[in-house]
Protein backbone atom coordinates (compact mmCIF):
# COMPACT_ATOMS: atom_id res chain seq x y z
CA MET A 1 -29.65 -11.27 -49.03
CA ASN A 2 -29.54 -7.57 -49.92
CA PHE A 3 -31.91 -5.00 -48.41
CA ARG A 4 -33.81 -3.57 -51.38
CA ILE A 5 -36.96 -1.48 -51.03
CA SER A 6 -38.84 0.96 -53.23
CA LEU A 7 -40.25 3.79 -51.14
CA THR A 8 -43.07 6.00 -52.31
CA GLY A 9 -46.01 7.76 -50.73
CA ASP A 10 -47.89 10.96 -50.08
CA LEU A 11 -46.25 14.38 -50.06
CA GLY A 12 -44.89 15.18 -46.62
CA SER A 13 -45.20 11.57 -45.44
CA GLY A 14 -41.57 11.41 -44.29
CA LYS A 15 -40.07 9.38 -47.12
CA SER A 16 -36.70 11.14 -46.94
CA THR A 17 -36.45 10.76 -43.16
CA VAL A 18 -37.54 7.12 -43.17
CA GLY A 19 -35.15 6.40 -46.04
CA LYS A 20 -32.26 7.95 -44.12
CA ILE A 21 -33.01 5.86 -41.02
CA LEU A 22 -33.13 2.65 -43.05
CA SER A 23 -30.04 3.65 -45.01
CA GLU A 24 -28.01 4.05 -41.83
CA LYS A 25 -29.33 0.81 -40.35
CA TYR A 26 -28.62 -1.33 -43.42
CA GLU A 27 -25.75 0.68 -44.93
CA ALA A 28 -27.90 1.09 -48.03
CA LYS A 29 -27.47 3.57 -50.86
CA ILE A 30 -30.38 5.95 -51.46
CA TYR A 31 -31.60 6.88 -54.92
CA SER A 32 -34.15 9.69 -54.89
CA THR A 33 -35.93 11.39 -57.78
CA GLY A 34 -37.42 14.10 -55.54
CA PRO A 35 -34.37 16.41 -55.62
CA ILE A 36 -34.05 15.82 -59.37
CA VAL A 37 -37.64 16.95 -59.97
CA ARG A 38 -37.23 20.01 -57.75
CA GLN A 39 -34.01 20.97 -59.53
CA ILE A 40 -35.64 20.61 -62.96
CA ALA A 41 -38.47 22.90 -61.79
CA ALA A 42 -36.02 25.44 -60.38
CA ASP A 43 -33.98 25.42 -63.59
CA ARG A 44 -37.11 26.27 -65.55
CA GLY A 45 -38.16 28.95 -63.06
CA ILE A 46 -41.46 27.20 -62.22
CA SER A 47 -42.97 25.42 -59.22
CA VAL A 48 -43.07 21.65 -58.83
CA GLY A 49 -46.84 21.78 -59.37
CA GLU A 50 -46.37 23.71 -62.61
CA LEU A 51 -43.72 21.21 -63.73
CA ASN A 52 -46.16 18.36 -63.09
CA LYS A 53 -48.75 20.05 -65.30
CA LEU A 54 -46.12 20.55 -68.00
CA MET A 55 -45.13 16.89 -67.80
CA GLU A 56 -48.73 15.85 -68.55
CA SER A 57 -48.21 17.05 -72.13
CA ASP A 58 -44.44 16.49 -72.39
CA PRO A 59 -43.44 12.97 -71.23
CA LYS A 60 -39.73 13.35 -72.03
CA ILE A 61 -38.71 14.08 -68.43
CA ASP A 62 -40.76 11.15 -67.11
CA HIS A 63 -39.18 8.74 -69.57
CA GLU A 64 -35.69 9.95 -68.69
CA MET A 65 -36.23 9.28 -64.99
CA ASP A 66 -38.01 5.98 -65.65
CA ASP A 67 -35.09 4.67 -67.69
CA ARG A 68 -32.85 5.35 -64.70
CA LEU A 69 -35.22 3.42 -62.44
CA LYS A 70 -35.15 0.39 -64.73
CA LEU A 71 -31.36 0.31 -64.59
CA LEU A 72 -31.49 0.13 -60.78
CA SER A 73 -32.90 -3.41 -61.06
CA ASN A 74 -29.29 -4.54 -61.66
CA GLU A 75 -27.68 -2.24 -59.09
CA PRO A 76 -25.67 -4.35 -56.59
CA GLY A 77 -25.82 -4.03 -52.81
CA ASN A 78 -28.36 -2.62 -50.40
CA LEU A 79 -30.59 -0.03 -52.03
CA ILE A 80 -33.45 2.29 -51.06
CA ILE A 81 -35.24 3.91 -53.99
CA ASP A 82 -37.28 6.98 -53.01
CA SER A 83 -39.35 7.45 -56.14
CA ARG A 84 -43.01 7.66 -57.11
CA MET A 85 -42.67 4.94 -59.78
CA ALA A 86 -39.91 2.66 -58.44
CA TRP A 87 -42.49 0.07 -57.39
CA PHE A 88 -43.53 -0.17 -61.05
CA PHE A 89 -40.20 -0.02 -62.88
CA THR A 90 -37.58 -1.49 -60.53
CA GLU A 91 -37.60 -5.27 -60.18
CA GLY A 92 -36.88 -7.21 -56.99
CA THR A 93 -37.80 -4.56 -54.42
CA PHE A 94 -40.07 -4.68 -51.37
CA ARG A 95 -42.69 -2.10 -52.33
CA VAL A 96 -43.53 0.35 -49.51
CA TYR A 97 -46.05 3.22 -49.51
CA LEU A 98 -46.06 5.88 -46.77
CA ALA A 99 -49.55 7.35 -46.37
CA THR A 100 -50.49 10.62 -44.66
CA SER A 101 -53.69 12.62 -44.44
CA ILE A 102 -53.65 15.56 -46.80
CA GLU A 103 -54.21 17.98 -43.88
CA GLU A 104 -51.12 16.66 -42.10
CA SER A 105 -49.13 16.72 -45.35
CA ALA A 106 -50.05 20.38 -45.82
CA LYS A 107 -48.99 21.32 -42.29
CA ARG A 108 -45.63 19.59 -42.64
CA ILE A 109 -44.81 21.07 -46.02
CA TYR A 110 -45.99 24.56 -45.04
CA ASN A 111 -43.76 24.50 -41.94
CA ASP A 112 -40.72 22.93 -43.64
CA PRO A 113 -38.08 25.65 -44.28
CA ASN A 114 -36.11 23.30 -46.55
CA ARG A 115 -38.83 23.13 -49.22
CA SER A 116 -37.91 26.31 -51.05
CA SER A 117 -39.57 25.08 -54.27
CA GLU A 118 -42.91 24.45 -52.52
CA LYS A 119 -43.90 27.57 -50.62
CA PHE A 120 -47.52 28.37 -49.77
CA GLU A 121 -49.25 31.38 -48.26
CA SER A 122 -51.26 29.23 -45.84
CA VAL A 123 -51.97 25.65 -44.84
CA GLU A 124 -55.31 25.92 -46.61
CA GLU A 125 -53.58 26.86 -49.87
CA ALA A 126 -51.18 23.96 -49.37
CA VAL A 127 -54.11 21.52 -49.05
CA VAL A 128 -55.61 22.71 -52.34
CA LYS A 129 -52.35 22.64 -54.28
CA ILE A 130 -51.13 19.33 -52.83
CA ARG A 131 -54.43 17.70 -53.75
CA ALA A 132 -54.15 19.10 -57.28
CA ARG A 133 -50.56 17.92 -57.62
CA LYS A 134 -51.46 14.43 -56.45
CA GLN A 135 -54.33 14.23 -58.92
CA SER A 136 -52.06 15.50 -61.70
CA GLU A 137 -49.38 12.90 -60.99
CA ASN A 138 -51.85 10.03 -60.71
CA LEU A 139 -53.48 11.04 -64.00
CA ARG A 140 -50.13 11.27 -65.72
CA TYR A 141 -48.97 7.82 -64.63
CA LYS A 142 -52.29 6.25 -65.53
CA THR A 143 -52.12 7.83 -68.97
CA LEU A 144 -48.46 6.95 -69.61
CA TYR A 145 -48.29 3.48 -68.10
CA GLY A 146 -51.74 2.40 -66.92
CA ALA A 147 -50.32 2.48 -63.38
CA ASP A 148 -52.43 3.61 -60.42
CA CYS A 149 -50.07 4.89 -57.73
CA SER A 150 -52.95 5.55 -55.32
CA PHE A 151 -54.12 1.90 -55.28
CA MET A 152 -52.84 0.41 -52.01
CA GLY A 153 -53.07 -3.11 -53.39
CA ASN A 154 -50.03 -2.36 -55.58
CA TYR A 155 -47.72 -2.35 -52.56
CA ASP A 156 -46.27 -4.99 -50.23
CA LEU A 157 -46.67 -2.65 -47.27
CA VAL A 158 -48.56 0.57 -46.49
CA VAL A 159 -47.67 2.53 -43.34
CA ASP A 160 -49.59 5.63 -42.26
CA THR A 161 -47.34 8.32 -40.76
CA THR A 162 -50.11 10.84 -39.96
CA ALA A 163 -49.65 10.45 -36.21
CA SER A 164 -46.44 8.41 -35.95
CA PRO A 165 -42.76 9.35 -36.04
CA ALA A 166 -40.49 8.22 -38.84
CA GLU A 167 -38.71 5.84 -36.46
CA ALA A 168 -41.93 3.86 -35.92
CA ALA A 169 -42.50 3.55 -39.67
CA ALA A 170 -38.90 2.47 -40.23
CA GLU A 171 -39.21 -0.21 -37.55
CA ILE A 172 -42.36 -1.65 -39.12
CA ILE A 173 -40.73 -1.65 -42.56
CA SER A 174 -37.68 -3.50 -41.18
CA GLU A 175 -39.76 -6.14 -39.41
CA SER A 176 -42.15 -6.60 -42.33
CA TYR A 177 -39.30 -6.95 -44.81
CA LYS A 178 -37.63 -9.59 -42.63
CA ASN A 179 -40.88 -11.57 -42.47
CA TYR A 180 -41.29 -11.12 -46.22
CA LEU A 181 -37.85 -12.57 -46.91
CA ASP A 182 -38.56 -15.45 -44.50
CA GLY A 183 -41.72 -16.28 -46.46
CA LYS A 184 -44.05 -15.43 -43.57
CA ASP A 185 -47.48 -13.88 -43.99
CA THR A 186 -47.24 -10.16 -43.31
CA VAL A 187 -49.74 -7.45 -42.45
CA LYS A 188 -50.09 -5.27 -45.52
CA ILE A 189 -51.46 -2.05 -43.99
CA TYR A 190 -50.78 -0.15 -40.75
CA MET A 191 -53.22 2.74 -40.47
CA TYR A 192 -53.86 5.61 -38.06
CA GLY A 193 -57.22 5.15 -36.34
CA GLY A 194 -58.35 8.69 -37.10
CA ARG A 195 -58.36 7.89 -40.81
CA LEU A 196 -60.59 4.83 -40.54
CA ILE A 197 -64.32 5.31 -41.15
CA PRO A 198 -66.91 3.04 -39.49
CA THR A 199 -70.02 2.67 -41.60
CA HIS A 200 -72.29 2.84 -38.54
CA GLU A 201 -72.64 5.24 -35.61
CA ILE A 202 -70.55 3.68 -32.85
CA SER A 203 -72.31 3.10 -29.54
CA GLU A 204 -71.33 3.76 -25.94
CA GLU A 205 -71.23 -0.02 -25.43
CA GLU A 206 -68.63 -0.42 -28.19
CA ILE A 207 -66.50 2.38 -26.76
CA LYS A 208 -66.72 0.93 -23.25
CA ALA A 209 -65.78 -2.55 -24.47
CA ALA A 210 -62.77 -1.16 -26.32
CA VAL A 211 -61.47 0.89 -23.40
CA GLU A 212 -61.91 -1.99 -20.93
CA THR A 213 -59.91 -4.39 -23.13
CA LYS A 214 -57.28 -1.93 -24.39
CA ASP A 215 -54.42 -3.81 -22.70
CA GLU A 216 -55.29 -7.10 -24.37
CA PRO A 217 -53.24 -7.90 -27.50
CA LEU A 218 -55.02 -8.12 -30.86
CA ASP A 219 -55.46 -11.70 -31.97
CA THR A 220 -56.15 -10.69 -35.58
CA ALA A 221 -55.82 -7.55 -37.69
CA VAL A 222 -58.71 -5.16 -38.31
CA ASN A 223 -60.65 -5.86 -41.51
CA ILE A 224 -61.21 -2.78 -43.67
CA THR A 225 -62.75 -2.01 -47.06
CA VAL A 226 -60.78 0.42 -49.22
CA CYS A 227 -62.27 2.57 -51.97
CA ASN A 228 -60.49 5.49 -53.66
CA GLY A 229 -58.09 5.91 -50.76
CA GLU A 230 -60.78 5.92 -48.05
CA MET A 231 -60.80 3.10 -45.49
CA PHE A 232 -64.02 1.77 -44.02
CA ILE A 233 -64.80 -0.56 -41.11
CA THR A 234 -68.01 -2.38 -41.91
CA ASN A 235 -68.70 -4.42 -38.74
CA LYS A 236 -68.83 -3.79 -35.01
CA GLU A 237 -66.24 -6.41 -34.01
CA ASP A 238 -63.54 -4.71 -36.07
CA THR A 239 -64.69 -1.30 -34.85
CA VAL A 240 -64.07 -2.37 -31.25
CA LYS A 241 -60.66 -3.79 -32.18
CA ALA A 242 -59.67 -0.52 -33.85
CA LEU A 243 -60.83 1.49 -30.83
CA ARG A 244 -58.84 -0.81 -28.53
CA CYS A 245 -55.71 0.14 -30.45
CA VAL A 246 -56.57 3.83 -30.18
CA ALA A 247 -57.21 3.60 -26.44
CA ALA A 248 -53.92 1.74 -25.97
CA GLY A 249 -52.04 4.52 -27.74
CA ASN A 250 -51.29 2.51 -30.86
CA ASN A 251 -51.26 4.93 -33.79
CA LEU A 252 -50.44 2.18 -36.28
CA ILE A 253 -53.33 -0.27 -36.43
CA PRO A 254 -52.67 -3.51 -38.35
CA CYS A 255 -55.31 -3.90 -41.07
CA ILE A 256 -56.31 -6.42 -43.72
CA ALA A 257 -57.94 -4.80 -46.73
CA GLU A 258 -60.33 -5.76 -49.44
CA TYR A 259 -60.83 -3.36 -52.31
CA THR A 260 -63.99 -2.12 -53.96
CA ASP A 261 -65.01 0.40 -56.60
CA THR A 262 -68.16 1.35 -54.68
CA ALA A 263 -67.74 3.17 -51.38
CA PRO A 264 -70.13 2.30 -48.52
CA THR A 265 -72.62 4.99 -47.54
CA VAL A 266 -71.64 6.71 -44.31
CA SER A 267 -73.51 9.51 -42.56
CA GLU A 268 -71.67 12.66 -41.53
CA ASN A 269 -72.85 12.02 -37.99
CA ALA A 270 -71.14 8.62 -37.95
CA LYS A 271 -67.89 10.21 -39.16
CA ASN A 272 -68.07 12.99 -36.58
CA ILE A 273 -68.78 10.60 -33.70
CA TRP A 274 -65.80 8.48 -34.69
CA LYS A 275 -63.40 11.43 -34.91
CA GLN A 276 -64.60 12.79 -31.58
CA THR A 277 -64.25 9.39 -29.92
CA VAL A 278 -60.74 8.84 -31.27
CA ASN A 279 -59.66 12.21 -29.87
CA GLU A 280 -61.30 11.52 -26.51
CA ILE A 281 -60.00 8.01 -25.79
CA LYS A 282 -56.46 8.20 -27.18
CA PRO A 283 -53.85 8.77 -24.45
CA LYS A 284 -53.12 12.43 -23.87
CA LYS A 285 -49.60 13.74 -24.37
CA LYS A 286 -47.89 14.69 -21.13
């Protein structure tokens, strides 16, 4: 059976690199709308962000690219489609989303010399403009098609690349796709521990239990609650499991998600304790 995936995700999440790795492994053709969008912006003498704003009121460019995506449903052979809306328009693909924290996205894009159409004066400016671009795109697709690109439940697999190399993401995609084709149950989300948010202030006992059992394999994935892109751990058992992964140096924690429109209430102190603990117990780079 052919290798066919649609690959989308956050800006700076490594889609191009992951796509190249998978393309070489499976001898798959890559179709990417990213260069097309950047070229259209350059031809008009505007930034990609400005083009996105223009496209909110002029859908012609969107429809042109979307028609091309629909045609790819009948494209023969192995295919990787790097496009924001391929999961929605192209049939018969394994739908993958690469997630990255907006701070990490900003750092990568700011330091990438190949992104001539997306230059920023600082990382802080990049954060602001990337957030605005993401909101603009999500609004546009909701308005045009009723499609919510930010909803993780739309995808067969979500992999967080905030603290992991592209090779690790590509390996998980390969293994998950194989299990998918074999009809096996697959983990839907692999998330970096620093982006999870416990709803309680973790205790010294929980931290100690996690560190002492870090070498034991997980018997089940970590249960999380997802609301508007934020991921919450709502019980102590799953908190300890997540911390075990962190202490063992696993930056891709297998998670099972349920989705809600109402985010749990979390104190700033609970968030700060978690972030500090993650930084303290994760293995230090040599």
